[in-house]
Amino acid sequence: MMAKRRVEMMEETRAKLVAAARKAFAEKGYAASMDELTAEAGLTRGELYHNFGDKRGLLAAVVNQVDAEMASRAQEIGGRAENAWEGLPTEGTAYIEMALDPEVQRIVLLDGPAVLGDPSQWPSQSNCLQATKQTVQQLITQGILKPVDAEAAARLLNGAALNAALWIAASEDPKDVLPKAAQAFRYLATGLLAN
């Protein structure tokens, strides 16, 4: 009973730190003060280090949370499409469009890669890749897509969507870049169609 309560308290502490960090990183970027962040969460720097190792570890947890939410939202939007094929480019385009969200832009597309390195290596991106691979394999089996290697197609689709989002976030005029990126992504995806 005691151990269960301790685990719950640790999870609560982690959740508070992630929530406070998410707010701080969205508003001030990675340069946000860890002292202000922990004080706002009512916690100590020691708790931050105990739970995440360092500021970089905390950013990784925040990026993972936001990126997983993005993937989930994109899958939900893709799932509303009229069929499985249409869901594929719709999902990718939805992910690309999230690059206009200031929180996504700063945390996942600007600070994340700068601090954590190649986004294609992040756990959240790996989960997204597996979901895309399953969809692609299904569409190949149904004869909707060309008989291409499912993993290769999934990696290229995910890479194109991620790079489009990174381009939008880093551009001088994200709203101008978005339609260009979304259209090119759709054309790339359509190239996989069997007909």
N, C-alpha and C. Protein backbone atom coordinates (compact mmCIF):
# COMPACT_ATOMS: atom_id res chain seq x y z
N MET A 1 0.83 -1.19 0.00
CA MET A 1 0.00 0.00 0.00
C MET A 1 0.88 1.26 0.00
N MET A 2 1.91 1.24 0.84
CA MET A 2 2.82 2.36 0.97
C MET A 2 3.57 2.59 -0.36
N ALA A 3 4.02 1.49 -0.98
CA ALA A 3 4.77 1.60 -2.24
C ALA A 3 3.89 2.18 -3.34
N LYS A 4 2.62 1.79 -3.35
CA LYS A 4 1.69 2.29 -4.36
C LYS A 4 1.52 3.80 -4.21
N ARG A 5 1.38 4.27 -2.99
CA ARG A 5 1.22 5.70 -2.72
C ARG A 5 2.48 6.46 -3.17
N ARG A 6 3.64 5.86 -2.93
CA ARG A 6 4.91 6.49 -3.31
C ARG A 6 5.00 6.62 -4.84
N VAL A 7 4.59 5.58 -5.54
CA VAL A 7 4.59 5.61 -7.01
C VAL A 7 3.63 6.69 -7.51
N GLU A 8 2.45 6.77 -6.89
CA GLU A 8 1.48 7.80 -7.27
C GLU A 8 2.04 9.20 -7.05
N MET A 9 2.74 9.40 -5.93
CA MET A 9 3.34 10.71 -5.63
C MET A 9 4.43 11.05 -6.64
N MET A 10 5.22 10.05 -7.04
CA MET A 10 6.27 10.28 -8.03
C MET A 10 5.66 10.66 -9.38
N GLU A 11 4.59 9.95 -9.75
CA GLU A 11 3.92 10.25 -11.02
C GLU A 11 3.32 11.65 -10.99
N GLU A 12 2.76 12.02 -9.84
CA GLU A 12 2.18 13.35 -9.67
C GLU A 12 3.26 14.43 -9.80
N THR A 13 4.41 14.19 -9.18
CA THR A 13 5.54 15.13 -9.26
C THR A 13 6.00 15.27 -10.70
N ARG A 14 6.15 14.14 -11.39
CA ARG A 14 6.58 14.17 -12.80
C ARG A 14 5.58 14.96 -13.65
N ALA A 15 4.29 14.71 -13.43
CA ALA A 15 3.24 15.39 -14.19
C ALA A 15 3.27 16.90 -13.94
N LYS A 16 3.48 17.29 -12.67
CA LYS A 16 3.56 18.72 -12.34
C LYS A 16 4.76 19.37 -13.03
N LEU A 17 5.90 18.68 -12.99
CA LEU A 17 7.10 19.21 -13.64
C LEU A 17 6.92 19.34 -15.15
N VAL A 18 6.33 18.33 -15.77
CA VAL A 18 6.11 18.37 -17.22
C VAL A 18 5.14 19.51 -17.58
N ALA A 19 4.08 19.65 -16.81
CA ALA A 19 3.09 20.71 -17.08
C ALA A 19 3.74 22.09 -16.94
N ALA A 20 4.51 22.30 -15.87
CA ALA A 20 5.18 23.59 -15.66
C ALA A 20 6.21 23.85 -16.75
N ALA A 21 6.96 22.81 -17.12
CA ALA A 21 7.98 22.96 -18.16
C ALA A 21 7.35 23.24 -19.51
N ARG A 22 6.25 22.58 -19.79
CA ARG A 22 5.57 22.80 -21.07
C ARG A 22 5.16 24.27 -21.21
N LYS A 23 4.61 24.81 -20.14
CA LYS A 23 4.18 26.22 -20.13
C LYS A 23 5.41 27.12 -20.29
N ALA A 24 6.45 26.86 -19.51
CA ALA A 24 7.66 27.70 -19.55
C ALA A 24 8.36 27.62 -20.91
N PHE A 25 8.50 26.39 -21.44
CA PHE A 25 9.18 26.23 -22.73
C PHE A 25 8.36 26.87 -23.86
N ALA A 26 7.04 26.80 -23.78
CA ALA A 26 6.19 27.41 -24.81
C ALA A 26 6.32 28.93 -24.78
N GLU A 27 6.39 29.48 -23.57
CA GLU A 27 6.46 30.95 -23.44
C GLU A 27 7.86 31.51 -23.62
N LYS A 28 8.88 30.83 -23.07
CA LYS A 28 10.23 31.40 -23.04
C LYS A 28 11.25 30.58 -23.80
N GLY A 29 10.85 29.44 -24.32
CA GLY A 29 11.80 28.58 -25.00
C GLY A 29 12.66 27.80 -24.02
N TYR A 30 13.64 27.11 -24.56
CA TYR A 30 14.51 26.26 -23.74
C TYR A 30 15.31 27.08 -22.73
N ALA A 31 15.43 28.37 -22.97
CA ALA A 31 16.18 29.24 -22.06
C ALA A 31 15.43 29.51 -20.75
N ALA A 32 14.19 29.04 -20.64
CA ALA A 32 13.38 29.26 -19.44
C ALA A 32 14.15 28.85 -18.18
N SER A 33 13.97 29.61 -17.12
CA SER A 33 14.66 29.35 -15.86
C SER A 33 14.08 28.13 -15.15
N MET A 34 14.95 27.21 -14.78
CA MET A 34 14.51 26.02 -14.06
C MET A 34 14.08 26.36 -12.63
N ASP A 35 14.67 27.41 -12.05
CA ASP A 35 14.28 27.83 -10.70
C ASP A 35 12.84 28.35 -10.71
N GLU A 36 12.52 29.20 -11.71
CA GLU A 36 11.15 29.71 -11.82
C GLU A 36 10.17 28.57 -12.08
N LEU A 37 10.56 27.68 -12.96
CA LEU A 37 9.71 26.54 -13.33
C LEU A 37 9.38 25.67 -12.12
N THR A 38 10.40 25.30 -11.36
CA THR A 38 10.16 24.43 -10.20
C THR A 38 9.38 25.16 -9.12
N ALA A 39 9.66 26.45 -8.93
CA ALA A 39 8.93 27.24 -7.93
C ALA A 39 7.46 27.31 -8.31
N GLU A 40 7.19 27.53 -9.60
CA GLU A 40 5.80 27.61 -10.06
C GLU A 40 5.06 26.29 -9.85
N ALA A 41 5.78 25.19 -9.98
CA ALA A 41 5.17 23.87 -9.78
C ALA A 41 5.11 23.50 -8.29
N GLY A 42 5.72 24.35 -7.44
CA GLY A 42 5.75 24.05 -6.02
C GLY A 42 6.69 22.91 -5.69
N LEU A 43 7.73 22.77 -6.50
CA LEU A 43 8.69 21.67 -6.33
C LEU A 43 10.11 22.22 -6.27
N THR A 44 11.06 21.33 -6.08
CA THR A 44 12.46 21.76 -5.98
C THR A 44 13.25 21.33 -7.21
N ARG A 45 14.40 21.97 -7.37
CA ARG A 45 15.30 21.57 -8.47
C ARG A 45 15.74 20.13 -8.29
N GLY A 46 15.90 19.72 -7.04
CA GLY A 46 16.29 18.34 -6.74
C GLY A 46 15.27 17.35 -7.30
N GLU A 47 13.99 17.68 -7.17
CA GLU A 47 12.94 16.81 -7.71
C GLU A 47 13.01 16.75 -9.23
N LEU A 48 13.35 17.90 -9.84
CA LEU A 48 13.51 17.92 -11.30
C LEU A 48 14.65 16.97 -11.70
N TYR A 49 15.81 17.11 -11.03
CA TYR A 49 16.96 16.27 -11.38
C TYR A 49 16.71 14.81 -11.07
N HIS A 50 16.03 14.55 -9.97
CA HIS A 50 15.72 13.16 -9.60
C HIS A 50 14.82 12.49 -10.64
N ASN A 51 13.87 13.23 -11.17
CA ASN A 51 12.89 12.67 -12.10
C ASN A 51 13.34 12.68 -13.56
N PHE A 52 14.13 13.67 -13.95
CA PHE A 52 14.47 13.81 -15.37
C PHE A 52 15.97 13.89 -15.66
N GLY A 53 16.79 13.85 -14.63
CA GLY A 53 18.24 13.91 -14.84
C GLY A 53 18.74 15.33 -14.97
N ASP A 54 18.14 16.08 -15.90
CA ASP A 54 18.54 17.47 -16.13
C ASP A 54 17.47 18.16 -16.98
N LYS A 55 17.76 19.40 -17.33
CA LYS A 55 16.83 20.21 -18.11
C LYS A 55 16.54 19.56 -19.47
N ARG A 56 17.57 18.98 -20.06
CA ARG A 56 17.43 18.31 -21.36
C ARG A 56 16.45 17.13 -21.25
N GLY A 57 16.56 16.37 -20.16
CA GLY A 57 15.66 15.24 -19.92
C GLY A 57 14.22 15.71 -19.75
N LEU A 58 14.06 16.85 -19.10
CA LEU A 58 12.72 17.42 -18.93
C LEU A 58 12.16 17.88 -20.28
N LEU A 59 13.01 18.51 -21.10
CA LEU A 59 12.56 18.92 -22.45
C LEU A 59 12.15 17.69 -23.25
N ALA A 60 12.92 16.61 -23.15
CA ALA A 60 12.59 15.38 -23.89
C ALA A 60 11.21 14.87 -23.49
N ALA A 61 10.89 14.93 -22.20
CA ALA A 61 9.57 14.49 -21.72
C ALA A 61 8.46 15.38 -22.27
N VAL A 62 8.71 16.69 -22.30
CA VAL A 62 7.71 17.64 -22.82
C VAL A 62 7.54 17.43 -24.33
N VAL A 63 8.64 17.31 -25.06
CA VAL A 63 8.57 17.09 -26.51
C VAL A 63 7.80 15.80 -26.80
N ASN A 64 8.10 14.75 -26.05
CA ASN A 64 7.43 13.48 -26.24
C ASN A 64 5.91 13.63 -26.04
N GLN A 65 5.53 14.37 -25.00
CA GLN A 65 4.11 14.58 -24.72
C GLN A 65 3.43 15.37 -25.85
N VAL A 66 4.02 16.48 -26.25
CA VAL A 66 3.42 17.34 -27.28
C VAL A 66 3.40 16.61 -28.62
N ASP A 67 4.49 15.95 -28.98
CA ASP A 67 4.56 15.24 -30.26
C ASP A 67 3.56 14.09 -30.31
N ALA A 68 3.40 13.39 -29.19
CA ALA A 68 2.41 12.30 -29.13
C ALA A 68 0.99 12.86 -29.30
N GLU A 69 0.72 14.02 -28.70
CA GLU A 69 -0.58 14.67 -28.87
C GLU A 69 -0.80 15.06 -30.33
N MET A 70 0.25 15.56 -30.98
CA MET A 70 0.17 15.94 -32.39
C MET A 70 -0.18 14.72 -33.24
N ALA A 71 0.51 13.62 -33.00
CA ALA A 71 0.28 12.39 -33.76
C ALA A 71 -1.14 11.89 -33.54
N SER A 72 -1.58 11.93 -32.30
CA SER A 72 -2.93 11.48 -31.97
C SER A 72 -3.99 12.35 -32.67
N ARG A 73 -3.76 13.66 -32.63
CA ARG A 73 -4.69 14.59 -33.29
C ARG A 73 -4.70 14.35 -34.80
N ALA A 74 -3.52 14.16 -35.38
CA ALA A 74 -3.42 13.92 -36.82
C ALA A 74 -4.12 12.62 -37.20
N GLN A 75 -3.94 11.57 -36.39
CA GLN A 75 -4.60 10.29 -36.65
C GLN A 75 -6.12 10.43 -36.56
N GLU A 76 -6.56 11.21 -35.59
CA GLU A 76 -8.01 11.43 -35.43
C GLU A 76 -8.57 12.15 -36.66
N ILE A 77 -7.87 13.16 -37.15
CA ILE A 77 -8.30 13.90 -38.34
C ILE A 77 -8.26 12.99 -39.56
N GLY A 78 -7.19 12.21 -39.69
CA GLY A 78 -7.07 11.26 -40.80
C GLY A 78 -8.17 10.22 -40.76
N GLY A 79 -8.56 9.81 -39.55
CA GLY A 79 -9.60 8.80 -39.37
C GLY A 79 -10.98 9.28 -39.82
N ARG A 80 -11.16 10.59 -39.92
CA ARG A 80 -12.45 11.14 -40.36
C ARG A 80 -12.58 11.17 -41.89
N ALA A 81 -11.49 10.87 -42.58
CA ALA A 81 -11.52 10.89 -44.05
C ALA A 81 -12.46 9.81 -44.55
N GLU A 82 -12.90 9.95 -45.80
CA GLU A 82 -13.92 9.02 -46.34
C GLU A 82 -13.43 7.59 -46.52
N ASN A 83 -12.10 7.39 -46.63
CA ASN A 83 -11.57 6.02 -46.74
C ASN A 83 -10.13 5.98 -46.24
N ALA A 84 -9.59 4.78 -46.12
CA ALA A 84 -8.24 4.60 -45.56
C ALA A 84 -7.18 5.32 -46.41
N TRP A 85 -7.34 5.27 -47.74
CA TRP A 85 -6.35 5.96 -48.57
C TRP A 85 -6.37 7.46 -48.30
N GLU A 86 -7.54 8.06 -48.32
CA GLU A 86 -7.66 9.51 -48.14
C GLU A 86 -7.16 9.91 -46.75
N GLY A 87 -7.28 8.99 -45.79
CA GLY A 87 -6.82 9.26 -44.44
C GLY A 87 -5.31 9.46 -44.35
N LEU A 88 -4.58 8.78 -45.23
CA LEU A 88 -3.11 8.85 -45.20
C LEU A 88 -2.60 10.27 -45.48
N PRO A 89 -2.92 10.88 -46.64
CA PRO A 89 -2.44 12.25 -46.86
C PRO A 89 -3.12 13.28 -45.94
N THR A 90 -4.35 12.99 -45.54
CA THR A 90 -5.06 13.91 -44.64
C THR A 90 -4.35 13.97 -43.29
N GLU A 91 -3.93 12.80 -42.79
CA GLU A 91 -3.21 12.73 -41.52
C GLU A 91 -1.88 13.48 -41.60
N GLY A 92 -1.14 13.25 -42.68
CA GLY A 92 0.14 13.93 -42.86
C GLY A 92 -0.02 15.43 -42.97
N THR A 93 -1.04 15.86 -43.70
CA THR A 93 -1.30 17.30 -43.86
C THR A 93 -1.70 17.91 -42.52
N ALA A 94 -2.49 17.20 -41.73
CA ALA A 94 -2.90 17.70 -40.41
C ALA A 94 -1.66 17.91 -39.53
N TYR A 95 -0.72 16.97 -39.59
CA TYR A 95 0.51 17.10 -38.81
C TYR A 95 1.29 18.35 -39.27
N ILE A 96 1.38 18.52 -40.57
CA ILE A 96 2.10 19.67 -41.14
C ILE A 96 1.44 20.98 -40.69
N GLU A 97 0.12 21.02 -40.70
CA GLU A 97 -0.61 22.24 -40.32
C GLU A 97 -0.39 22.62 -38.86
N MET A 98 -0.08 21.65 -38.01
CA MET A 98 0.16 21.95 -36.60
C MET A 98 1.42 22.78 -36.39
N ALA A 99 2.24 22.90 -37.43
CA ALA A 99 3.45 23.72 -37.35
C ALA A 99 3.11 25.20 -37.15
N LEU A 100 1.86 25.58 -37.37
CA LEU A 100 1.46 26.97 -37.14
C LEU A 100 1.15 27.23 -35.66
N ASP A 101 0.95 26.18 -34.87
CA ASP A 101 0.65 26.32 -33.45
C ASP A 101 1.93 26.80 -32.74
N PRO A 102 1.89 27.96 -32.06
CA PRO A 102 3.10 28.51 -31.43
C PRO A 102 3.78 27.54 -30.45
N GLU A 103 2.99 26.81 -29.67
CA GLU A 103 3.56 25.85 -28.70
C GLU A 103 4.29 24.73 -29.44
N VAL A 104 3.67 24.18 -30.45
CA VAL A 104 4.26 23.11 -31.26
C VAL A 104 5.53 23.63 -31.94
N GLN A 105 5.41 24.81 -32.52
CA GLN A 105 6.54 25.41 -33.23
C GLN A 105 7.77 25.53 -32.35
N ARG A 106 7.57 26.15 -31.20
CA ARG A 106 8.71 26.42 -30.33
C ARG A 106 9.27 25.16 -29.68
N ILE A 107 8.39 24.32 -29.10
CA ILE A 107 8.86 23.16 -28.33
C ILE A 107 9.31 22.02 -29.23
N VAL A 108 8.46 21.60 -30.17
CA VAL A 108 8.75 20.39 -30.96
C VAL A 108 9.60 20.67 -32.19
N LEU A 109 9.36 21.79 -32.86
CA LEU A 109 10.01 22.01 -34.15
C LEU A 109 11.25 22.91 -34.12
N LEU A 110 11.41 23.72 -33.08
CA LEU A 110 12.59 24.57 -33.00
C LEU A 110 13.53 24.12 -31.88
N ASP A 111 13.07 24.20 -30.62
CA ASP A 111 13.94 23.82 -29.50
C ASP A 111 14.22 22.32 -29.45
N GLY A 112 13.22 21.51 -29.73
CA GLY A 112 13.41 20.05 -29.67
C GLY A 112 14.59 19.58 -30.50
N PRO A 113 14.59 19.86 -31.82
CA PRO A 113 15.72 19.42 -32.64
C PRO A 113 17.05 20.08 -32.24
N ALA A 114 17.00 21.36 -31.84
CA ALA A 114 18.23 22.06 -31.46
C ALA A 114 18.88 21.42 -30.24
N VAL A 115 18.06 20.97 -29.28
CA VAL A 115 18.60 20.43 -28.03
C VAL A 115 18.70 18.90 -28.04
N LEU A 116 17.69 18.25 -28.62
CA LEU A 116 17.61 16.78 -28.54
C LEU A 116 18.14 16.06 -29.78
N GLY A 117 18.42 16.81 -30.83
CA GLY A 117 18.93 16.18 -32.05
C GLY A 117 17.83 15.73 -32.99
N ASP A 118 18.17 14.86 -33.90
CA ASP A 118 17.33 14.39 -34.99
C ASP A 118 15.95 13.90 -34.52
N PRO A 119 14.88 14.61 -34.89
CA PRO A 119 13.54 14.21 -34.47
C PRO A 119 13.13 12.81 -34.93
N SER A 120 13.68 12.34 -36.04
CA SER A 120 13.28 11.01 -36.52
C SER A 120 13.72 9.91 -35.55
N GLN A 121 14.61 10.25 -34.61
CA GLN A 121 15.08 9.28 -33.62
C GLN A 121 14.30 9.35 -32.31
N TRP A 122 13.37 10.30 -32.18
CA TRP A 122 12.61 10.44 -30.94
C TRP A 122 11.63 9.29 -30.81
N PRO A 123 11.35 8.83 -29.58
CA PRO A 123 10.37 7.74 -29.37
C PRO A 123 8.99 8.05 -29.95
N SER A 124 8.53 9.29 -29.83
CA SER A 124 7.21 9.66 -30.35
C SER A 124 7.17 9.52 -31.87
N GLN A 125 8.25 9.85 -32.54
CA GLN A 125 8.31 9.71 -34.00
C GLN A 125 8.34 8.24 -34.40
N SER A 126 9.00 7.44 -33.59
CA SER A 126 9.07 6.00 -33.86
C SER A 126 7.67 5.38 -33.79
N ASN A 127 6.88 5.79 -32.80
CA ASN A 127 5.50 5.30 -32.68
C ASN A 127 4.67 5.70 -33.89
N CYS A 128 4.85 6.93 -34.32
CA CYS A 128 4.15 7.47 -35.49
C CYS A 128 4.52 6.66 -36.74
N LEU A 129 5.81 6.36 -36.86
CA LEU A 129 6.29 5.58 -38.01
C LEU A 129 5.62 4.21 -38.06
N GLN A 130 5.51 3.54 -36.91
CA GLN A 130 4.89 2.21 -36.88
C GLN A 130 3.42 2.27 -37.31
N ALA A 131 2.72 3.31 -36.87
CA ALA A 131 1.31 3.47 -37.25
C ALA A 131 1.19 3.71 -38.75
N THR A 132 2.05 4.55 -39.30
CA THR A 132 2.03 4.83 -40.74
C THR A 132 2.36 3.57 -41.53
N LYS A 133 3.34 2.82 -41.05
CA LYS A 133 3.76 1.58 -41.72
C LYS A 133 2.58 0.60 -41.80
N GLN A 134 1.82 0.47 -40.71
CA GLN A 134 0.65 -0.42 -40.69
C GLN A 134 -0.38 0.02 -41.74
N THR A 135 -0.66 1.31 -41.77
CA THR A 135 -1.63 1.85 -42.73
C THR A 135 -1.16 1.59 -44.17
N VAL A 136 0.11 1.87 -44.43
CA VAL A 136 0.67 1.67 -45.77
C VAL A 136 0.57 0.19 -46.14
N GLN A 137 0.94 -0.70 -45.23
CA GLN A 137 0.88 -2.14 -45.50
C GLN A 137 -0.54 -2.57 -45.84
N GLN A 138 -1.49 -2.07 -45.10
CA GLN A 138 -2.91 -2.37 -45.34
C GLN A 138 -3.33 -1.91 -46.74
N LEU A 139 -2.93 -0.71 -47.11
CA LEU A 139 -3.30 -0.15 -48.42
C LEU A 139 -2.61 -0.90 -49.56
N ILE A 140 -1.40 -1.40 -49.32
CA ILE A 140 -0.70 -2.21 -50.32
C ILE A 140 -1.44 -3.54 -50.49
N THR A 141 -1.77 -4.16 -49.37
CA THR A 141 -2.49 -5.45 -49.39
C THR A 141 -3.82 -5.33 -50.13
N GLN A 142 -4.49 -4.18 -49.98
CA GLN A 142 -5.77 -3.95 -50.65
C GLN A 142 -5.60 -3.54 -52.11
N GLY A 143 -4.36 -3.39 -52.55
CA GLY A 143 -4.11 -3.01 -53.94
C GLY A 143 -4.31 -1.53 -54.23
N ILE A 144 -4.45 -0.73 -53.18
CA ILE A 144 -4.66 0.71 -53.35
C ILE A 144 -3.34 1.42 -53.62
N LEU A 145 -2.28 0.94 -52.96
CA LEU A 145 -0.94 1.51 -53.19
C LEU A 145 -0.10 0.54 -54.01
N LYS A 146 0.89 1.09 -54.70
CA LYS A 146 1.84 0.28 -55.46
C LYS A 146 2.53 -0.71 -54.51
N PRO A 147 2.99 -1.86 -55.01
CA PRO A 147 3.66 -2.83 -54.15
C PRO A 147 5.09 -2.39 -53.80
N VAL A 148 5.16 -1.39 -52.97
CA VAL A 148 6.44 -0.82 -52.54
C VAL A 148 6.73 -1.35 -51.14
N ASP A 149 7.97 -1.27 -50.69
CA ASP A 149 8.29 -1.67 -49.32
C ASP A 149 7.55 -0.74 -48.35
N ALA A 150 6.75 -1.32 -47.47
CA ALA A 150 5.90 -0.54 -46.56
C ALA A 150 6.72 0.35 -45.62
N GLU A 151 7.82 -0.19 -45.11
CA GLU A 151 8.63 0.63 -44.20
C GLU A 151 9.27 1.80 -44.94
N ALA A 152 9.77 1.56 -46.14
CA ALA A 152 10.38 2.64 -46.92
C ALA A 152 9.35 3.74 -47.20
N ALA A 153 8.16 3.34 -47.63
CA ALA A 153 7.11 4.33 -47.93
C ALA A 153 6.72 5.09 -46.66
N ALA A 154 6.57 4.39 -45.55
CA ALA A 154 6.18 5.03 -44.29
C ALA A 154 7.26 6.02 -43.83
N ARG A 155 8.53 5.61 -43.94
CA ARG A 155 9.63 6.50 -43.53
C ARG A 155 9.67 7.76 -44.40
N LEU A 156 9.44 7.59 -45.69
CA LEU A 156 9.47 8.75 -46.58
C LEU A 156 8.28 9.67 -46.34
N LEU A 157 7.10 9.10 -46.13
CA LEU A 157 5.91 9.92 -45.84
C LEU A 157 6.08 10.68 -44.52
N ASN A 158 6.50 9.96 -43.47
CA ASN A 158 6.69 10.61 -42.17
C ASN A 158 7.80 11.65 -42.23
N GLY A 159 8.88 11.32 -42.93
CA GLY A 159 9.98 12.26 -43.07
C GLY A 159 9.56 13.51 -43.82
N ALA A 160 8.76 13.33 -44.86
CA ALA A 160 8.27 14.49 -45.63
C ALA A 160 7.38 15.37 -44.76
N ALA A 161 6.48 14.77 -43.99
CA ALA A 161 5.59 15.55 -43.13
C ALA A 161 6.39 16.28 -42.05
N LEU A 162 7.33 15.58 -41.42
CA LEU A 162 8.15 16.20 -40.38
C LEU A 162 8.99 17.33 -40.96
N ASN A 163 9.64 17.10 -42.10
CA ASN A 163 10.47 18.14 -42.69
C ASN A 163 9.65 19.33 -43.16
N ALA A 164 8.45 19.09 -43.64
CA ALA A 164 7.57 20.19 -44.02
C ALA A 164 7.23 21.03 -42.78
N ALA A 165 6.92 20.36 -41.68
CA ALA A 165 6.60 21.07 -40.43
C ALA A 165 7.82 21.86 -39.93
N LEU A 166 9.01 21.26 -40.01
CA LEU A 166 10.23 21.95 -39.60
C LEU A 166 10.48 23.18 -40.48
N TRP A 167 10.24 23.04 -41.78
CA TRP A 167 10.41 24.14 -42.72
C TRP A 167 9.46 25.28 -42.37
N ILE A 168 8.22 24.96 -42.12
CA ILE A 168 7.21 25.97 -41.78
C ILE A 168 7.63 26.71 -40.51
N ALA A 169 8.00 25.97 -39.49
CA ALA A 169 8.37 26.57 -38.20
C ALA A 169 9.58 27.49 -38.32
N ALA A 170 10.52 27.15 -39.18
CA ALA A 170 11.75 27.93 -39.31
C ALA A 170 11.64 29.07 -40.33
N SER A 171 10.55 29.11 -41.08
CA SER A 171 10.44 30.11 -42.15
C SER A 171 10.07 31.49 -41.62
N GLU A 172 10.35 32.48 -42.45
CA GLU A 172 10.01 33.87 -42.11
C GLU A 172 8.50 34.07 -42.09
N ASP A 173 7.79 33.37 -42.98
CA ASP A 173 6.35 33.52 -43.10
C ASP A 173 5.67 32.15 -43.14
N PRO A 174 5.48 31.54 -41.96
CA PRO A 174 4.91 30.19 -41.89
C PRO A 174 3.57 30.03 -42.63
N LYS A 175 2.72 31.05 -42.56
CA LYS A 175 1.40 30.97 -43.21
C LYS A 175 1.52 30.94 -44.74
N ASP A 176 2.59 31.50 -45.26
CA ASP A 176 2.83 31.48 -46.71
C ASP A 176 3.39 30.13 -47.14
N VAL A 177 4.22 29.53 -46.29
CA VAL A 177 4.87 28.26 -46.62
C VAL A 177 3.90 27.08 -46.49
N LEU A 178 2.98 27.14 -45.53
CA LEU A 178 2.07 26.02 -45.26
C LEU A 178 1.36 25.47 -46.50
N PRO A 179 0.65 26.29 -47.29
CA PRO A 179 -0.07 25.69 -48.43
C PRO A 179 0.87 25.03 -49.45
N LYS A 180 2.05 25.59 -49.62
CA LYS A 180 3.03 25.01 -50.55
C LYS A 180 3.47 23.63 -50.05
N ALA A 181 3.78 23.57 -48.76
CA ALA A 181 4.24 22.31 -48.16
C ALA A 181 3.13 21.26 -48.20
N ALA A 182 1.91 21.66 -47.85
CA ALA A 182 0.78 20.72 -47.82
C ALA A 182 0.48 20.18 -49.22
N GLN A 183 0.52 21.04 -50.22
CA GLN A 183 0.24 20.60 -51.59
C GLN A 183 1.32 19.63 -52.08
N ALA A 184 2.58 19.95 -51.84
CA ALA A 184 3.68 19.08 -52.26
C ALA A 184 3.60 17.72 -51.55
N PHE A 185 3.25 17.74 -50.26
CA PHE A 185 3.11 16.49 -49.50
C PHE A 185 2.02 15.62 -50.12
N ARG A 186 0.89 16.21 -50.44
CA ARG A 186 -0.23 15.46 -51.03
C ARG A 186 0.19 14.85 -52.38
N TYR A 187 0.91 15.62 -53.19
CA TYR A 187 1.39 15.09 -54.48
C TYR A 187 2.34 13.91 -54.27
N LEU A 188 3.23 14.04 -53.28
CA LEU A 188 4.15 12.94 -52.99
C LEU A 188 3.38 11.67 -52.60
N ALA A 189 2.42 11.82 -51.69
CA ALA A 189 1.64 10.68 -51.22
C ALA A 189 0.85 10.06 -52.37
N THR A 190 0.29 10.89 -53.22
CA THR A 190 -0.51 10.41 -54.36
C THR A 190 0.34 9.57 -55.32
N GLY A 191 1.62 9.84 -55.37
CA GLY A 191 2.52 9.08 -56.22
C GLY A 191 2.60 7.61 -55.85
N LEU A 192 2.16 7.25 -54.66
CA LEU A 192 2.17 5.86 -54.22
C LEU A 192 0.93 5.09 -54.69
N LEU A 193 -0.07 5.80 -55.16
CA LEU A 193 -1.31 5.14 -55.60
C LEU A 193 -1.06 4.16 -56.75
N ALA A 194 -1.74 3.03 -56.69
CA ALA A 194 -1.57 1.99 -57.70
C ALA A 194 -2.12 2.42 -59.07
N ASN A 195 -3.17 3.22 -59.09
CA ASN A 195 -3.79 3.61 -60.38
C ASN A 195 -3.23 4.92 -60.88
